[in-house]
């Protein structure tokens, strides 16, 4: 993921500035690249969690 391109982030992705707001003091001292990495990892995790939820729901039905 270190070498991911900006095109990999969907148009609905939050901006780096918004991620800095969300991270608050935790973003102090981080480069834009580091904040972008956090954004990408969070997006990947969210997609996995949603996929797991959908699969579990399908098994229950």
PDB file of N, CA and C in Angstrom:
ATOM      1  N   UNK A   1       0.798  -1.192   0.000  1.00  0.00           N
ATOM      2  CA  UNK A   1       0.000   0.000   0.000  1.00  0.00           C
ATOM      3  C   UNK A   1       0.848   1.267   0.000  1.00  0.00           C
ATOM      4  N   UNK A   2       2.107   1.130   0.325  1.00  0.00           N
ATOM      5  CA  UNK A   2       2.976   2.290   0.380  1.00  0.00           C
ATOM      6  C   UNK A   2       3.049   3.031  -0.938  1.00  0.00           C
ATOM      7  N   UNK A   3       2.949   2.312  -2.041  1.00  0.00           N
ATOM      8  CA  UNK A   3       3.141   2.923  -3.341  1.00  0.00           C
ATOM      9  C   UNK A   3       1.828   3.082  -4.098  1.00  0.00           C
ATOM     10  N   UNK A   4       0.727   3.095  -3.374  1.00  0.00           N
ATOM     11  CA  UNK A   4      -0.572   3.255  -4.026  1.00  0.00           C
ATOM     12  C   UNK A   4      -0.661   4.651  -4.635  1.00  0.00           C
ATOM     13  N   UNK A   5      -1.370   4.758  -5.727  1.00  0.00           N
ATOM     14  CA  UNK A   5      -1.536   6.034  -6.409  1.00  0.00           C
ATOM     15  C   UNK A   5      -2.828   6.696  -5.971  1.00  0.00           C
ATOM     16  N   UNK A   6      -2.905   8.019  -6.125  1.00  0.00           N
ATOM     17  CA  UNK A   6      -4.099   8.761  -5.748  1.00  0.00           C
ATOM     18  C   UNK A   6      -5.334   8.265  -6.485  1.00  0.00           C
ATOM     19  N   UNK A   7      -5.156   7.727  -7.685  1.00  0.00           N
ATOM     20  CA  UNK A   7      -6.295   7.222  -8.460  1.00  0.00           C
ATOM     21  C   UNK A   7      -6.962   6.041  -7.761  1.00  0.00           C
ATOM     22  N   UNK A   8      -6.234   5.399  -6.831  1.00  0.00           N
ATOM     23  CA  UNK A   8      -6.792   4.256  -6.115  1.00  0.00           C
ATOM     24  C   UNK A   8      -7.835   4.672  -5.084  1.00  0.00           C
ATOM     25  N   UNK A   9      -7.818   5.933  -4.695  1.00  0.00           N
ATOM     26  CA  UNK A   9      -8.773   6.431  -3.708  1.00  0.00           C
ATOM     27  C   UNK A   9      -9.979   6.948  -4.462  1.00  0.00           C
ATOM     28  N   UNK A  10     -11.157   6.446  -4.090  1.00  0.00           N
ATOM     29  CA  UNK A  10     -12.378   6.836  -4.776  1.00  0.00           C
ATOM     30  C   UNK A  10     -12.699   8.306  -4.629  1.00  0.00           C
ATOM     31  N   UNK A  11     -13.529   8.815  -5.514  1.00  0.00           N
ATOM     32  CA  UNK A  11     -13.881  10.228  -5.489  1.00  0.00           C
ATOM     33  C   UNK A  11     -14.669  10.597  -4.234  1.00  0.00           C
ATOM     34  N   UNK A  12     -15.220   9.596  -3.549  1.00  0.00           N
ATOM     35  CA  UNK A  12     -15.977   9.867  -2.336  1.00  0.00           C
ATOM     36  C   UNK A  12     -15.098   9.845  -1.080  1.00  0.00           C
ATOM     37  N   UNK A  13     -13.779   9.679  -1.270  1.00  0.00           N
ATOM     38  CA  UNK A  13     -12.853   9.632  -0.137  1.00  0.00           C
ATOM     39  C   UNK A  13     -12.752  11.010   0.501  1.00  0.00           C
ATOM     40  N   UNK A  14     -12.578  11.000   1.813  1.00  0.00           N
ATOM     41  CA  UNK A  14     -12.402  12.246   2.528  1.00  0.00           C
ATOM     42  C   UNK A  14     -11.031  12.828   2.220  1.00  0.00           C
ATOM     43  N   UNK A  15     -10.924  14.135   2.254  1.00  0.00           N
ATOM     44  CA  UNK A  15      -9.664  14.801   1.950  1.00  0.00           C
ATOM     45  C   UNK A  15      -8.649  14.592   3.077  1.00  0.00           C
ATOM     46  N   UNK A  16      -7.399  14.847   2.753  1.00  0.00           N
ATOM     47  CA  UNK A  16      -6.332  14.772   3.750  1.00  0.00           C
ATOM     48  C   UNK A  16      -6.643  15.754   4.884  1.00  0.00           C
ATOM     49  N   UNK A  17      -7.108  16.942   4.524  1.00  0.00           N
ATOM     50  CA  UNK A  17      -7.428  17.953   5.542  1.00  0.00           C
ATOM     51  C   UNK A  17      -8.511  17.439   6.491  1.00  0.00           C
ATOM     52  N   UNK A  18      -9.522  16.782   5.945  1.00  0.00           N
ATOM     53  CA  UNK A  18     -10.607  16.245   6.788  1.00  0.00           C
ATOM     54  C   UNK A  18     -10.073  15.134   7.680  1.00  0.00           C
ATOM     55  N   UNK A  19      -9.176  14.287   7.144  1.00  0.00           N
ATOM     56  CA  UNK A  19      -8.583  13.224   7.960  1.00  0.00           C
ATOM     57  C   UNK A  19      -7.765  13.826   9.091  1.00  0.00           C
ATOM     58  N   UNK A  20      -7.074  14.931   8.817  1.00  0.00           N
ATOM     59  CA  UNK A  20      -6.311  15.593   9.884  1.00  0.00           C
ATOM     60  C   UNK A  20      -7.256  16.064  10.994  1.00  0.00           C
ATOM     61  N   UNK A  21      -8.426  16.588  10.596  1.00  0.00           N
ATOM     62  CA  UNK A  21      -9.426  17.002  11.586  1.00  0.00           C
ATOM     63  C   UNK A  21      -9.890  15.806  12.409  1.00  0.00           C
ATOM     64  N   UNK A  22     -10.175  14.705  11.737  1.00  0.00           N
ATOM     65  CA  UNK A  22     -10.661  13.507  12.424  1.00  0.00           C
ATOM     66  C   UNK A  22      -9.611  12.916  13.360  1.00  0.00           C
ATOM     67  N   UNK A  23      -8.363  12.938  12.937  1.00  0.00           N
ATOM     68  CA  UNK A  23      -7.284  12.387  13.754  1.00  0.00           C
ATOM     69  C   UNK A  23      -6.899  13.306  14.900  1.00  0.00           C
ATOM     70  N   UNK A  24      -7.199  14.580  14.758  1.00  0.00           N
ATOM     71  CA  UNK A  24      -6.903  15.536  15.816  1.00  0.00           C
ATOM     72  C   UNK A  24      -5.416  15.601  16.124  1.00  0.00           C
ATOM     73  N   UNK A  25      -5.086  15.609  17.398  1.00  0.00           N
ATOM     74  CA  UNK A  25      -3.685  15.715  17.822  1.00  0.00           C
ATOM     75  C   UNK A  25      -2.837  14.547  17.325  1.00  0.00           C
ATOM     76  N   UNK A  26      -3.460  13.418  17.051  1.00  0.00           N
ATOM     77  CA  UNK A  26      -2.712  12.261  16.546  1.00  0.00           C
ATOM     78  C   UNK A  26      -2.095  12.540  15.178  1.00  0.00           C
ATOM     79  N   UNK A  27      -2.619  13.536  14.450  1.00  0.00           N
ATOM     80  CA  UNK A  27      -2.089  13.867  13.131  1.00  0.00           C
ATOM     81  C   UNK A  27      -0.910  14.838  13.213  1.00  0.00           C
ATOM     82  N   UNK A  28      -0.707  15.433  14.384  1.00  0.00           N
ATOM     83  CA  UNK A  28       0.417  16.369  14.540  1.00  0.00           C
ATOM     84  C   UNK A  28       1.722  15.657  14.226  1.00  0.00           C
ATOM     85  N   UNK A  29       2.505  16.246  13.384  1.00  0.00           N
ATOM     86  CA  UNK A  29       3.800  15.673  13.032  1.00  0.00           C
ATOM     87  C   UNK A  29       3.758  14.655  11.914  1.00  0.00           C
ATOM     88  N   UNK A  30       2.565  14.295  11.433  1.00  0.00           N
ATOM     89  CA  UNK A  30       2.460  13.344  10.324  1.00  0.00           C
ATOM     90  C   UNK A  30       2.506  14.090   8.997  1.00  0.00           C
ATOM     91  N   UNK A  31       3.166  13.511   8.021  1.00  0.00           N
ATOM     92  CA  UNK A  31       3.177  14.087   6.676  1.00  0.00           C
ATOM     93  C   UNK A  31       1.845  13.781   5.995  1.00  0.00           C
ATOM     94  N   UNK A  32       1.577  14.485   4.909  1.00  0.00           N
ATOM     95  CA  UNK A  32       0.368  14.200   4.129  1.00  0.00           C
ATOM     96  C   UNK A  32       0.387  12.754   3.645  1.00  0.00           C
ATOM     97  N   UNK A  33       1.566  12.265   3.296  1.00  0.00           N
ATOM     98  CA  UNK A  33       1.688  10.877   2.837  1.00  0.00           C
ATOM     99  C   UNK A  33       1.283   9.905   3.950  1.00  0.00           C
ATOM    100  N   UNK A  34       1.708  10.168   5.159  1.00  0.00           N
ATOM    101  CA  UNK A  34       1.357   9.291   6.287  1.00  0.00           C
ATOM    102  C   UNK A  34      -0.138   9.340   6.585  1.00  0.00           C
ATOM    103  N   UNK A  35      -0.725  10.533   6.513  1.00  0.00           N
ATOM    104  CA  UNK A  35      -2.173  10.650   6.711  1.00  0.00           C
ATOM    105  C   UNK A  35      -2.907   9.911   5.599  1.00  0.00           C
ATOM    106  N   UNK A  36      -2.403  10.017   4.379  1.00  0.00           N
ATOM    107  CA  UNK A  36      -3.006   9.302   3.256  1.00  0.00           C
ATOM    108  C   UNK A  36      -2.936   7.793   3.471  1.00  0.00           C
ATOM    109  N   UNK A  37      -1.820   7.306   3.994  1.00  0.00           N
ATOM    110  CA  UNK A  37      -1.701   5.871   4.283  1.00  0.00           C
ATOM    111  C   UNK A  37      -2.738   5.445   5.309  1.00  0.00           C
ATOM    112  N   UNK A  38      -2.940   6.241   6.335  1.00  0.00           N
ATOM    113  CA  UNK A  38      -3.962   5.931   7.344  1.00  0.00           C
ATOM    114  C   UNK A  38      -5.330   5.906   6.686  1.00  0.00           C
ATOM    115  N   UNK A  39      -5.592   6.885   5.823  1.00  0.00           N
ATOM    116  CA  UNK A  39      -6.880   6.947   5.120  1.00  0.00           C
ATOM    117  C   UNK A  39      -7.095   5.687   4.294  1.00  0.00           C
ATOM    118  N   UNK A  40      -6.077   5.257   3.569  1.00  0.00           N
ATOM    119  CA  UNK A  40      -6.200   4.068   2.718  1.00  0.00           C
ATOM    120  C   UNK A  40      -6.406   2.790   3.544  1.00  0.00           C
ATOM    121  N   UNK A  41      -5.676   2.688   4.635  1.00  0.00           N
ATOM    122  CA  UNK A  41      -5.826   1.511   5.492  1.00  0.00           C
ATOM    123  C   UNK A  41      -7.209   1.480   6.142  1.00  0.00           C
ATOM    124  N   UNK A  42      -7.690   2.620   6.574  1.00  0.00           N
ATOM    125  CA  UNK A  42      -9.025   2.684   7.173  1.00  0.00           C
ATOM    126  C   UNK A  42     -10.091   2.303   6.148  1.00  0.00           C
ATOM    127  N   UNK A  43      -9.923   2.765   4.922  1.00  0.00           N
ATOM    128  CA  UNK A  43     -10.871   2.416   3.863  1.00  0.00           C
ATOM    129  C   UNK A  43     -10.862   0.918   3.610  1.00  0.00           C
ATOM    130  N   UNK A  44      -9.676   0.328   3.553  1.00  0.00           N
ATOM    131  CA  UNK A  44      -9.567  -1.116   3.329  1.00  0.00           C
ATOM    132  C   UNK A  44     -10.221  -1.893   4.467  1.00  0.00           C
ATOM    133  N   UNK A  45      -9.969  -1.474   5.693  1.00  0.00           N
ATOM    134  CA  UNK A  45     -10.562  -2.151   6.847  1.00  0.00           C
ATOM    135  C   UNK A  45     -12.083  -2.040   6.825  1.00  0.00           C
ATOM    136  N   UNK A  46     -12.582  -0.861   6.501  1.00  0.00           N
ATOM    137  CA  UNK A  46     -14.029  -0.668   6.442  1.00  0.00           C
ATOM    138  C   UNK A  46     -14.657  -1.583   5.389  1.00  0.00           C
ATOM    139  N   UNK A  47     -14.012  -1.707   4.250  1.00  0.00           N
ATOM    140  CA  UNK A  47     -14.540  -2.580   3.195  1.00  0.00           C
ATOM    141  C   UNK A  47     -14.566  -4.041   3.636  1.00  0.00           C
ATOM    142  N   UNK A  48     -13.526  -4.475   4.333  1.00  0.00           N
ATOM    143  CA  UNK A  48     -13.474  -5.852   4.827  1.00  0.00           C
ATOM    144  C   UNK A  48     -14.578  -6.085   5.853  1.00  0.00           C
ATOM    145  N   UNK A  49     -14.763  -5.148   6.764  1.00  0.00           N
ATOM    146  CA  UNK A  49     -15.784  -5.295   7.798  1.00  0.00           C
ATOM    147  C   UNK A  49     -17.172  -5.356   7.180  1.00  0.00           C
ATOM    148  N   UNK A  50     -17.442  -4.496   6.210  1.00  0.00           N
ATOM    149  CA  UNK A  50     -18.755  -4.516   5.551  1.00  0.00           C
ATOM    150  C   UNK A  50     -18.946  -5.831   4.811  1.00  0.00           C
ATOM    151  N   UNK A  51     -17.918  -6.292   4.121  1.00  0.00           N
ATOM    152  CA  UNK A  51     -18.010  -7.565   3.397  1.00  0.00           C
ATOM    153  C   UNK A  51     -18.284  -8.719   4.365  1.00  0.00           C
ATOM    154  N   UNK A  52     -17.597  -8.735   5.502  1.00  0.00           N
ATOM    155  CA  UNK A  52     -17.820  -9.780   6.504  1.00  0.00           C
ATOM    156  C   UNK A  52     -19.253  -9.729   7.032  1.00  0.00           C
ATOM    157  N   UNK A  53     -19.765  -8.521   7.277  1.00  0.00           N
ATOM    158  CA  UNK A  53     -21.130  -8.361   7.758  1.00  0.00           C
ATOM    159  C   UNK A  53     -22.135  -8.894   6.744  1.00  0.00           C
ATOM    160  N   UNK A  54     -21.942  -8.534   5.485  1.00  0.00           N
ATOM    161  CA  UNK A  54     -22.859  -8.978   4.432  1.00  0.00           C
ATOM    162  C   UNK A  54     -22.829 -10.494   4.298  1.00  0.00           C
ATOM    163  N   UNK A  55     -21.633 -11.081   4.334  1.00  0.00           N
ATOM    164  CA  UNK A  55     -21.520 -12.535   4.233  1.00  0.00           C
ATOM    165  C   UNK A  55     -22.181 -13.220   5.416  1.00  0.00           C
ATOM    166  N   UNK A  56     -21.968 -12.713   6.623  1.00  0.00           N
ATOM    167  CA  UNK A  56     -22.569 -13.301   7.810  1.00  0.00           C
ATOM    168  C   UNK A  56     -24.095 -13.184   7.741  1.00  0.00           C
ATOM    169  N   UNK A  57     -24.564 -12.067   7.286  1.00  0.00           N
ATOM    170  CA  UNK A  57     -26.011 -11.850   7.170  1.00  0.00           C
ATOM    171  C   UNK A  57     -26.614 -12.833   6.172  1.00  0.00           C
ATOM    172  N   UNK A  58     -25.913 -13.105   5.068  1.00  0.00           N
ATOM    173  CA  UNK A  58     -26.409 -14.024   4.039  1.00  0.00           C
ATOM    174  C   UNK A  58     -26.488 -15.436   4.594  1.00  0.00           C
ATOM    175  N   UNK A  59     -25.544 -15.813   5.445  1.00  0.00           N
ATOM    176  CA  UNK A  59     -25.541 -17.165   6.042  1.00  0.00           C
ATOM    177  C   UNK A  59     -26.710 -17.308   7.020  1.00  0.00           C
ATOM    178  N   UNK A  60     -27.060 -16.241   7.708  1.00  0.00           N
ATOM    179  CA  UNK A  60     -28.137 -16.279   8.703  1.00  0.00           C
ATOM    180  C   UNK A  60     -29.502 -16.340   8.065  1.00  0.00           C
ATOM    181  N   UNK A  61     -29.623 -15.898   6.841  1.00  0.00           N
ATOM    182  CA  UNK A  61     -30.950 -15.853   6.196  1.00  0.00           C
ATOM    183  C   UNK A  61     -31.338 -17.146   5.591  1.00  0.00           C
TER     184      UNK A  61
END
